[in-house]
Protein backbone atom coordinates (compact mmCIF):
# COMPACT_ATOMS: atom_id res chain seq x y z
CA MET A 1 -15.89 -16.58 -18.82
CA ASN A 2 -12.63 -14.92 -17.78
CA ASN A 3 -10.12 -17.52 -18.94
CA GLU A 4 -7.25 -15.77 -17.20
CA LEU A 5 -8.86 -16.39 -13.82
CA ASN A 6 -9.93 -19.91 -14.79
CA ARG A 7 -6.33 -21.18 -14.75
CA ASP A 8 -4.57 -24.27 -13.40
CA ILE A 9 -3.36 -23.83 -9.84
CA THR A 10 0.39 -24.46 -9.88
CA LEU A 11 3.20 -22.44 -8.34
CA LYS A 12 4.42 -21.41 -11.80
CA SER A 13 0.94 -20.36 -12.88
CA ILE A 14 0.28 -18.36 -9.71
CA LEU A 15 3.62 -16.56 -9.86
CA LYS A 16 3.11 -15.75 -13.53
CA PHE A 17 -0.24 -14.20 -12.63
CA THR A 18 0.85 -12.37 -9.47
CA LEU A 19 4.33 -11.13 -10.43
CA PRO A 20 2.95 -8.13 -12.35
CA SER A 21 0.97 -7.11 -9.26
CA ILE A 22 4.04 -7.52 -7.07
CA PHE A 23 6.12 -5.34 -9.39
CA MET A 24 3.28 -2.82 -9.59
CA MET A 25 3.18 -2.43 -5.82
CA VAL A 26 6.97 -2.19 -5.59
CA VAL A 27 7.05 0.55 -8.22
CA MET A 28 4.20 2.37 -6.45
CA SER A 29 6.10 2.24 -3.18
CA LEU A 30 9.15 3.66 -4.94
CA TYR A 31 7.32 6.93 -5.60
CA THR A 32 7.83 8.11 -2.04
CA ILE A 33 11.20 6.36 -1.76
CA VAL A 34 12.58 8.17 -4.79
CA ASP A 35 11.30 11.48 -3.44
CA GLY A 36 13.05 10.73 -0.16
CA ILE A 37 16.37 9.82 -1.79
CA PHE A 38 16.50 12.91 -4.01
CA VAL A 39 15.30 15.24 -1.26
CA SER A 40 17.68 13.85 1.38
CA ARG A 41 20.66 13.98 -0.98
CA LEU A 42 19.95 17.18 -2.92
CA VAL A 43 18.07 19.35 -0.39
CA ASN A 44 18.61 18.57 3.33
CA THR A 45 17.56 16.42 6.28
CA ASN A 46 14.73 18.72 7.35
CA ALA A 47 13.22 18.55 3.89
CA PHE A 48 13.53 14.75 4.00
CA SER A 49 11.71 14.72 7.34
CA ALA A 50 8.98 16.90 5.83
CA VAL A 51 8.28 14.37 3.07
CA ASN A 52 7.70 11.70 5.70
CA ILE A 53 5.56 14.02 7.83
CA ILE A 54 3.21 14.61 4.88
CA TYR A 55 3.04 10.91 3.99
CA PRO A 56 0.02 10.17 6.26
CA LEU A 57 -2.05 12.54 4.10
CA ILE A 58 -1.08 10.59 0.98
CA SER A 59 -1.65 7.33 2.82
CA VAL A 60 -5.29 8.19 3.51
CA VAL A 61 -5.93 8.64 -0.21
CA VAL A 62 -4.02 5.47 -1.10
CA GLY A 63 -6.13 3.72 1.53
CA LEU A 64 -9.35 4.95 -0.07
CA GLY A 65 -8.15 3.79 -3.49
CA THR A 66 -7.10 0.42 -2.13
CA MET A 67 -10.40 0.02 -0.29
CA PHE A 68 -12.49 0.66 -3.39
CA GLY A 69 -10.07 -1.25 -5.64
CA THR A 70 -9.82 -4.45 -3.62
CA GLY A 71 -13.43 -4.29 -2.46
CA THR A 72 -14.75 -3.85 -6.00
CA THR A 73 -12.41 -6.53 -7.35
CA ALA A 74 -13.70 -9.06 -4.84
CA ILE A 75 -17.28 -8.38 -5.93
CA VAL A 76 -16.77 -8.36 -9.70
CA SER A 77 -14.37 -11.34 -9.75
CA ARG A 78 -16.98 -13.41 -7.96
CA LYS A 79 -19.66 -12.21 -10.37
CA LEU A 80 -17.47 -13.16 -13.33
CA GLY A 81 -17.13 -16.62 -11.80
CA GLU A 82 -20.93 -16.75 -11.62
CA GLY A 83 -21.23 -15.60 -15.27
CA ARG A 84 -22.78 -12.17 -14.47
CA GLN A 85 -20.52 -9.96 -16.61
CA GLN A 86 -22.91 -7.07 -17.36
CA GLU A 87 -23.65 -6.55 -13.68
CA ALA A 88 -19.91 -6.58 -12.92
CA ASN A 89 -19.31 -3.85 -15.51
CA GLN A 90 -22.10 -1.66 -14.15
CA ILE A 91 -20.59 -1.92 -10.68
CA VAL A 92 -17.08 -1.02 -11.89
CA THR A 93 -18.30 2.03 -13.84
CA PHE A 94 -20.44 3.40 -11.03
CA ILE A 95 -17.75 3.02 -8.37
CA ILE A 96 -15.06 4.65 -10.55
CA LEU A 97 -17.34 7.68 -11.14
CA PHE A 98 -18.10 7.89 -7.44
CA THR A 99 -14.43 7.83 -6.45
CA ILE A 100 -13.54 10.55 -8.98
CA GLY A 101 -15.94 12.87 -7.16
CA LEU A 102 -14.62 11.71 -3.80
CA GLY A 103 -11.03 12.44 -4.83
CA ILE A 104 -11.89 15.97 -5.97
CA ALA A 105 -13.69 16.65 -2.68
CA PHE A 106 -10.71 15.37 -0.69
CA SER A 107 -8.31 17.64 -2.59
CA VAL A 108 -10.47 20.71 -2.01
CA LEU A 109 -10.81 20.05 1.72
CA SER A 110 -7.08 19.35 2.06
CA TYR A 111 -6.26 22.65 0.34
CA LEU A 112 -8.65 24.66 2.53
CA PHE A 113 -7.28 23.25 5.78
CA LEU A 114 -3.66 22.59 4.78
CA GLY A 115 -2.03 24.64 7.55
CA GLN A 116 -4.02 22.90 10.26
CA ILE A 117 -3.32 19.50 8.71
CA ILE A 118 0.45 20.10 8.66
CA HIS A 119 0.48 21.07 12.34
CA LEU A 120 -1.72 18.07 13.16
CA LEU A 121 0.81 15.79 11.44
CA GLY A 122 3.48 16.87 13.92
CA ALA A 123 5.50 19.48 12.00
CA ASN A 124 7.48 22.05 13.97
CA GLU A 125 8.63 25.44 12.72
CA ALA A 126 11.91 24.01 11.36
CA VAL A 127 10.08 21.85 8.82
CA PHE A 128 6.71 23.59 8.37
CA ASP A 129 7.62 25.45 5.17
CA TYR A 130 9.08 22.30 3.64
CA CYS A 131 5.89 20.42 4.50
CA ARG A 132 3.72 23.09 2.87
CA ASP A 133 5.88 23.22 -0.26
CA TYR A 134 5.62 19.43 -0.65
CA ALA A 135 1.94 19.13 0.25
CA LEU A 136 0.51 21.84 -2.03
CA PRO A 137 1.34 20.13 -5.35
CA ILE A 138 0.57 16.68 -3.97
CA ILE A 139 -3.02 17.51 -2.99
CA LEU A 140 -3.78 18.71 -6.53
CA PHE A 141 -2.96 15.23 -7.83
CA LEU A 142 -4.73 13.23 -5.10
CA PRO A 143 -7.74 12.27 -7.29
CA PHE A 144 -5.33 10.68 -9.78
CA SER A 145 -3.58 8.82 -6.97
CA LEU A 146 -6.90 7.39 -5.84
CA LEU A 147 -7.73 6.19 -9.36
CA GLN A 148 -4.28 4.74 -9.98
CA VAL A 149 -4.51 2.42 -6.98
CA GLN A 150 -7.99 1.26 -8.00
CA PHE A 151 -6.92 0.45 -11.54
CA GLN A 152 -4.08 -1.73 -10.22
CA SER A 153 -6.64 -4.11 -8.72
CA LEU A 154 -9.02 -3.88 -11.67
CA PHE A 155 -6.32 -4.77 -14.20
CA VAL A 156 -5.72 -7.95 -12.20
CA ALA A 157 -9.44 -8.75 -12.05
CA ASN A 158 -9.55 -8.21 -15.81
CA GLY A 159 -6.92 -10.89 -16.24
CA LYS A 160 -4.38 -8.33 -17.50
CA PRO A 161 -1.91 -7.71 -14.65
CA GLY A 162 0.88 -7.27 -17.21
CA ILE A 163 -0.76 -4.14 -18.63
CA GLY A 164 -1.04 -2.69 -15.15
CA LEU A 165 2.63 -3.41 -14.61
CA LEU A 166 3.71 -1.65 -17.81
CA VAL A 167 1.65 1.43 -16.94
CA THR A 168 3.03 1.53 -13.41
CA LEU A 169 6.59 1.15 -14.71
CA ALA A 170 6.06 4.00 -17.18
CA SER A 171 4.67 6.30 -14.51
CA GLY A 172 7.43 5.25 -12.09
CA LEU A 173 10.20 5.97 -14.60
CA ALA A 174 8.62 9.34 -15.34
CA ASN A 175 8.64 10.07 -11.62
CA VAL A 176 12.35 9.23 -11.30
CA PHE A 177 13.35 11.34 -14.32
CA LEU A 178 11.21 14.30 -13.27
CA ASP A 179 12.47 14.09 -9.67
CA TYR A 180 16.00 14.58 -10.94
CA PHE A 181 14.99 17.25 -13.45
CA PHE A 182 12.89 19.35 -11.08
CA ILE A 183 15.23 19.07 -8.06
CA ALA A 184 18.75 18.87 -9.53
CA VAL A 185 18.28 20.89 -12.73
CA CYS A 186 15.43 23.30 -11.95
CA HIS A 187 16.27 23.61 -8.20
CA MET A 188 12.60 23.40 -7.22
CA GLY A 189 13.32 21.57 -3.93
CA VAL A 190 10.60 19.51 -2.27
CA ALA A 191 7.92 21.10 -4.48
CA GLY A 192 9.66 19.58 -7.50
CA ALA A 193 9.58 16.14 -5.87
CA ALA A 194 5.86 16.50 -5.23
CA ILE A 195 5.10 17.58 -8.81
CA ALA A 196 7.12 14.64 -10.18
CA THR A 197 5.15 12.21 -8.01
CA GLY A 198 1.86 13.81 -9.02
CA ILE A 199 2.63 13.48 -12.73
CA GLY A 200 3.36 9.80 -12.14
CA TYR A 201 -0.10 9.42 -10.59
CA PHE A 202 -1.64 11.32 -13.54
CA ILE A 203 -0.08 9.08 -16.21
CA ALA A 204 -1.33 5.84 -14.63
CA ALA A 205 -4.82 7.19 -13.87
CA VAL A 206 -5.44 8.62 -17.35
CA PHE A 207 -4.31 5.40 -19.02
CA GLY A 208 -6.63 3.38 -16.79
CA LEU A 209 -9.58 5.56 -17.75
CA TYR A 210 -8.68 5.21 -21.44
CA TYR A 211 -8.21 1.43 -21.26
CA PHE A 212 -11.49 0.60 -19.53
CA ALA A 213 -13.41 3.03 -21.76
CA ARG A 214 -12.06 1.71 -25.08
CA HIS A 215 -11.52 -2.05 -24.60
CA LYS A 216 -15.10 -3.28 -24.79
CA GLU A 217 -13.92 -6.82 -25.59
CA ALA A 218 -12.36 -7.18 -22.13
CA PRO A 219 -14.34 -8.95 -19.37
CA LEU A 220 -14.41 -5.66 -17.40
CA HIS A 221 -14.99 -2.33 -19.14
CA PHE A 222 -17.00 0.85 -18.72
CA VAL A 223 -20.68 0.71 -19.58
CA LYS A 224 -23.66 2.91 -18.79
CA PRO A 225 -23.51 2.99 -14.98
CA LYS A 226 -26.30 1.85 -12.75
CA VAL A 227 -26.42 3.56 -9.38
CA SER A 228 -26.27 0.91 -6.68
CA ILE A 229 -25.70 2.10 -3.14
CA PRO A 230 -25.77 -1.48 -1.75
CA ASN A 231 -22.89 -2.49 -4.06
CA LEU A 232 -21.00 0.68 -3.15
CA ILE A 233 -21.38 -0.12 0.54
CA ARG A 234 -20.45 -3.75 -0.13
CA ALA A 235 -17.27 -2.67 -1.94
CA MET A 236 -16.36 -0.37 0.94
CA THR A 237 -17.05 -3.12 3.46
CA ASN A 238 -15.09 -5.72 1.49
CA GLY A 239 -12.11 -3.40 1.15
CA SER A 240 -12.38 -1.89 4.62
CA SER A 241 -9.40 -3.84 5.93
CA GLU A 242 -7.15 -2.19 3.35
CA MET A 243 -8.52 1.22 4.33
CA VAL A 244 -8.02 0.43 8.00
CA SER A 245 -4.46 -0.64 7.25
CA ASN A 246 -3.61 2.61 5.45
CA LEU A 247 -5.32 4.83 8.02
CA SER A 248 -3.49 2.95 10.75
CA SER A 249 -0.25 3.47 8.85
CA SER A 250 -0.97 7.20 8.92
CA VAL A 251 -1.53 7.12 12.67
CA THR A 252 1.52 5.01 13.45
CA THR A 253 3.75 7.08 11.14
CA LEU A 254 2.56 10.20 12.96
CA LEU A 255 3.23 8.52 16.32
CA PHE A 256 6.70 7.37 15.23
CA ASN A 257 7.49 10.92 14.06
CA ILE A 258 6.30 12.54 17.29
CA ILE A 259 8.21 10.12 19.53
CA MET A 260 11.44 10.32 17.50
CA MET A 261 11.18 14.13 17.34
CA ARG A 262 10.90 14.15 21.13
CA LEU A 263 13.70 11.62 21.71
CA VAL A 264 16.24 12.75 19.08
CA GLY A 265 14.86 15.64 16.99
CA PRO A 266 14.74 15.91 13.17
CA ASP A 267 17.54 13.32 12.85
CA GLY A 268 15.33 10.82 14.65
CA VAL A 269 12.45 11.52 12.26
CA ALA A 270 14.82 11.09 9.31
CA ALA A 271 16.05 7.75 10.73
CA ILE A 272 12.57 6.33 11.27
CA SER A 273 11.70 7.62 7.79
CA ILE A 274 14.43 5.39 6.32
CA LEU A 275 12.98 2.34 8.08
CA LEU A 276 9.44 3.13 6.97
CA TYR A 277 10.51 3.90 3.40
CA LEU A 278 12.32 0.60 3.04
CA ASP A 279 9.33 -1.10 4.66
CA PHE A 280 7.10 0.34 1.91
CA VAL A 281 9.17 -1.48 -0.72
CA LEU A 282 9.60 -4.79 1.10
CA ILE A 283 5.98 -5.05 2.20
CA ALA A 284 4.92 -4.15 -1.34
CA ILE A 285 6.00 -7.68 -2.30
CA ASN A 286 3.49 -9.20 0.11
CA LEU A 287 0.80 -6.68 -0.76
CA GLY A 288 1.33 -7.21 -4.47
CA TYR A 289 1.07 -10.98 -4.13
CA SER A 290 -2.08 -10.70 -2.01
CA ILE A 291 -3.71 -8.29 -4.49
CA GLY A 292 -2.69 -10.53 -7.38
CA VAL A 293 -3.90 -13.81 -5.92
CA ALA A 294 -7.15 -12.48 -4.38
CA PRO A 295 -9.19 -12.56 -7.63
CA LEU A 296 -8.21 -16.22 -8.07
CA PHE A 297 -9.65 -16.98 -4.64
CA SER A 298 -12.80 -14.93 -5.37
CA TYR A 299 -13.31 -16.55 -8.77
CA ASN A 300 -12.90 -20.14 -7.55
CA TYR A 301 -15.02 -19.40 -4.49
CA GLY A 302 -17.75 -18.15 -6.85
CA LYS A 303 -17.42 -21.40 -8.84
CA GLY A 304 -17.47 -23.51 -5.69
CA ASP A 305 -14.18 -25.23 -6.60
CA HIS A 306 -12.90 -26.25 -3.16
CA GLY A 307 -10.01 -28.31 -4.51
CA ARG A 308 -8.46 -25.28 -6.21
CA LEU A 309 -9.05 -23.16 -3.12
CA LYS A 310 -7.09 -25.61 -0.96
CA LYS A 311 -4.20 -25.73 -3.41
CA LEU A 312 -4.17 -21.93 -3.75
CA PHE A 313 -4.01 -21.53 0.00
CA ARG A 314 -1.20 -24.05 0.46
CA LEU A 315 1.01 -22.50 -2.24
CA SER A 316 0.31 -18.99 -0.93
CA PHE A 317 1.39 -20.01 2.56
CA TYR A 318 4.69 -21.36 1.20
CA PHE A 319 5.26 -18.14 -0.75
CA CYS A 320 4.60 -15.83 2.21
CA THR A 321 6.84 -17.86 4.51
CA GLY A 322 9.72 -17.99 2.04
CA VAL A 323 9.57 -14.28 1.24
CA GLY A 324 9.50 -13.42 4.95
CA VAL A 325 12.67 -15.37 5.67
CA ILE A 326 14.49 -13.86 2.68
CA MET A 327 13.47 -10.28 3.56
CA THR A 328 14.54 -10.68 7.19
CA ALA A 329 17.95 -12.10 6.28
CA GLY A 330 18.53 -9.54 3.54
CA THR A 331 17.66 -6.57 5.74
CA VAL A 332 19.93 -7.78 8.55
CA PHE A 333 22.89 -8.49 6.27
CA PHE A 334 22.60 -5.30 4.18
CA ALA A 335 21.46 -2.84 6.86
CA ASP A 336 24.56 -0.66 6.44
CA GLN A 337 24.17 -0.39 2.69
CA LEU A 338 20.43 0.29 2.92
CA ALA A 339 20.92 3.08 5.44
CA ALA A 340 23.69 4.60 3.30
CA VAL A 341 21.26 5.03 0.38
CA PHE A 342 19.57 7.84 2.30
CA SER A 343 22.26 9.22 4.59
CA PRO A 344 26.09 9.41 4.46
CA ALA A 345 27.92 6.72 6.44
CA GLY A 346 28.97 7.99 9.84
CA SER A 347 26.20 10.56 10.19
CA MET A 348 23.78 10.50 13.12
CA VAL A 349 20.89 9.54 10.85
CA TYR A 350 22.93 6.68 9.34
CA GLU A 351 23.93 5.25 12.73
CA LEU A 352 20.37 5.35 14.04
CA ALA A 353 18.94 3.78 10.89
CA ARG A 354 21.43 0.91 10.58
CA THR A 355 20.84 -0.08 14.19
CA GLY A 356 17.08 0.13 13.79
CA LEU A 357 17.00 -1.87 10.57
CA ARG A 358 18.64 -4.93 12.12
CA ILE A 359 15.97 -5.08 14.83
CA PHE A 360 13.03 -3.99 12.66
CA ALA A 361 13.89 -6.77 10.17
CA MET A 362 12.47 -9.45 12.48
CA SER A 363 8.96 -8.19 11.71
CA TYR A 364 9.19 -9.58 8.15
CA LEU A 365 9.04 -13.11 9.53
CA PHE A 366 5.40 -12.43 10.49
CA LYS A 367 4.02 -9.64 8.27
CA GLY A 368 3.53 -11.55 5.05
CA PHE A 369 1.20 -14.18 6.49
CA SER A 370 -1.00 -11.62 8.26
CA ILE A 371 -1.29 -9.48 5.12
CA PHE A 372 -2.23 -12.52 3.05
CA ILE A 373 -4.88 -13.74 5.50
CA SER A 374 -6.46 -10.29 5.61
CA ALA A 375 -6.63 -10.21 1.79
CA LEU A 376 -8.00 -13.78 1.80
CA PHE A 377 -11.03 -12.85 3.88
CA THR A 378 -11.57 -9.80 1.66
CA ALA A 379 -11.54 -12.10 -1.39
CA PHE A 380 -14.26 -14.22 0.23
CA GLY A 381 -16.38 -11.12 0.82
CA ASN A 382 -15.85 -11.10 4.60
CA GLY A 383 -14.60 -7.52 4.83
CA THR A 384 -15.54 -7.26 8.49
CA LEU A 385 -13.25 -10.08 9.59
CA SER A 386 -10.48 -8.76 7.36
CA ALA A 387 -10.88 -5.29 8.85
CA VAL A 388 -10.74 -6.61 12.40
CA LEU A 389 -7.45 -8.37 11.67
CA SER A 390 -5.99 -5.29 9.98
CA PHE A 391 -7.22 -3.03 12.78
CA MET A 392 -5.60 -5.19 15.43
CA ARG A 393 -2.37 -5.64 13.48
CA THR A 394 -1.72 -2.14 12.17
CA LEU A 395 -3.25 -0.01 14.92
CA VAL A 396 -4.12 -1.57 18.27
CA LEU A 397 -1.11 -3.87 18.68
CA LEU A 398 1.41 -1.57 17.01
CA VAL A 399 0.36 1.63 18.79
CA SER A 400 0.34 -0.20 22.12
CA ALA A 401 3.81 -1.60 21.45
CA ILE A 402 5.21 1.79 20.35
CA LEU A 403 3.92 3.59 23.45
CA LEU A 404 4.94 0.83 25.89
CA PHE A 405 8.36 -0.02 24.47
CA SER A 406 9.44 3.59 23.84
CA SER A 407 8.51 4.59 27.40
CA LEU A 408 10.46 1.65 28.85
CA PHE A 409 13.48 1.45 26.53
CA GLY A 410 13.66 4.75 24.62
CA ILE A 411 14.93 4.56 21.04
CA THR A 412 15.71 0.84 21.33
CA GLY A 413 12.09 0.26 22.29
CA VAL A 414 10.93 2.08 19.15
CA TRP A 415 12.89 -0.41 17.01
CA TYR A 416 11.46 -3.46 18.84
CA ALA A 417 7.83 -2.27 18.80
CA THR A 418 7.03 -3.42 15.25
CA PRO A 419 8.46 -6.98 15.52
CA ALA A 420 6.59 -7.52 18.80
CA ALA A 421 3.29 -6.27 17.37
CA GLU A 422 3.65 -8.28 14.16
CA ALA A 423 4.37 -11.50 16.07
CA LEU A 424 1.14 -11.11 18.06
CA ALA A 425 -0.81 -10.24 14.90
CA CYS A 426 0.52 -13.37 13.19
CA LEU A 427 -0.80 -15.50 16.05
CA LEU A 428 -4.21 -13.83 15.68
CA ALA A 429 -4.18 -14.44 11.90
CA ALA A 430 -3.33 -18.11 12.46
CA ALA A 431 -6.20 -18.48 14.95
CA LEU A 432 -8.71 -16.92 12.54
CA THR A 433 -7.41 -19.07 9.69
CA TRP A 434 -8.06 -22.22 11.69
CA LYS A 435 -11.46 -21.05 12.95
CA TYR A 436 -12.88 -20.29 9.49
CA ARG A 437 -11.24 -23.15 7.57
CA LYS A 438 -14.52 -25.07 7.12
CA VAL A 439 -16.58 -21.97 6.31
CA TYR A 440 -14.56 -21.19 3.17
CA SER A 441 -13.02 -24.66 2.53
CA TYR A 442 -9.41 -23.55 1.99
CA LEU A 443 -8.03 -26.17 4.38
């Protein structure tokens, strides 16, 4: 039995278990943030815009890793709760091997069609070379990025979120140091930022492979794999909402870039990049909590312990609500300082970003709950319902709001699109939560 998952359900106990996952996600989100800060400060605005233009490519791979990571975790955590450890280990080993091959294939295809991909992502001639210089090193490290995200979830399922945190911190610190070294000392520009990020991915992925191969005493570890297409499909289905969310993020980032390029030019892309970069960090808190708490839901659901499920849900709701209020207030009050991290005060980019941040901040009142509910249904093995919620929240509602509000109100409409979409998504999440309360016994 995994004693780490079989814990008392108190706020202190849950936070102790989920804080490493929260910090892991924050550090992961800082990869792109750090690249953006160094590039914007030490290269130029066009190079900064290029980093954001290439982000959808990275987001697809992160989405694949998150899909397999969360989907596999939901399956194996439930099997651990049912006492089926050997089967859980066979599933983990097979899916990791499968995703290594998938990551290599994705890198090769990205390299062969890189020029077309960059144009598809909305780059114009002013930023094309910067985009290519950043993308080339990144795509070589994409298989490691895919593995790193998976291992984050698996460390949690293994009852060792602290180890995942230490590895992520080490890779994150390496990324920061190498960003400075490659850009400021070696003058490698955006290519240096990409190499630094890739090495960060490499460190975390290689350690994950080593840990699960050597620690045979752990509940989850590598064994002789058993090919199981049904479990592979089940993992993909369970984690499909996370994949949908990341793919949608790619689409909406592309749409934001295109609209801001049309309305303002490269300065507009840089301004929306600041909002999205800060959003990566703030939302990482909600994502980290949801990833951290999901195995507890899966494990207790596998045990049939409805009392613990109800208490878990209640405490999670309080956490998401409190974090949302704090993030909204903090973003509004410190909008000037946050914008100044990326762009000098008084610049066009700074003025656009500080205005946008104060409006965009309202979305944090709603995002946390929707993210948690989506992860909750994934934890129960209902990937379809989770995917529907994610699809509506991150694509249908947001894209509709961006197109409608920007056409009616211009730049101001771009800022209001996300809060409006998130409010509607929160209502949908609440309705689904109420509808399925008796099916999964969390209320």
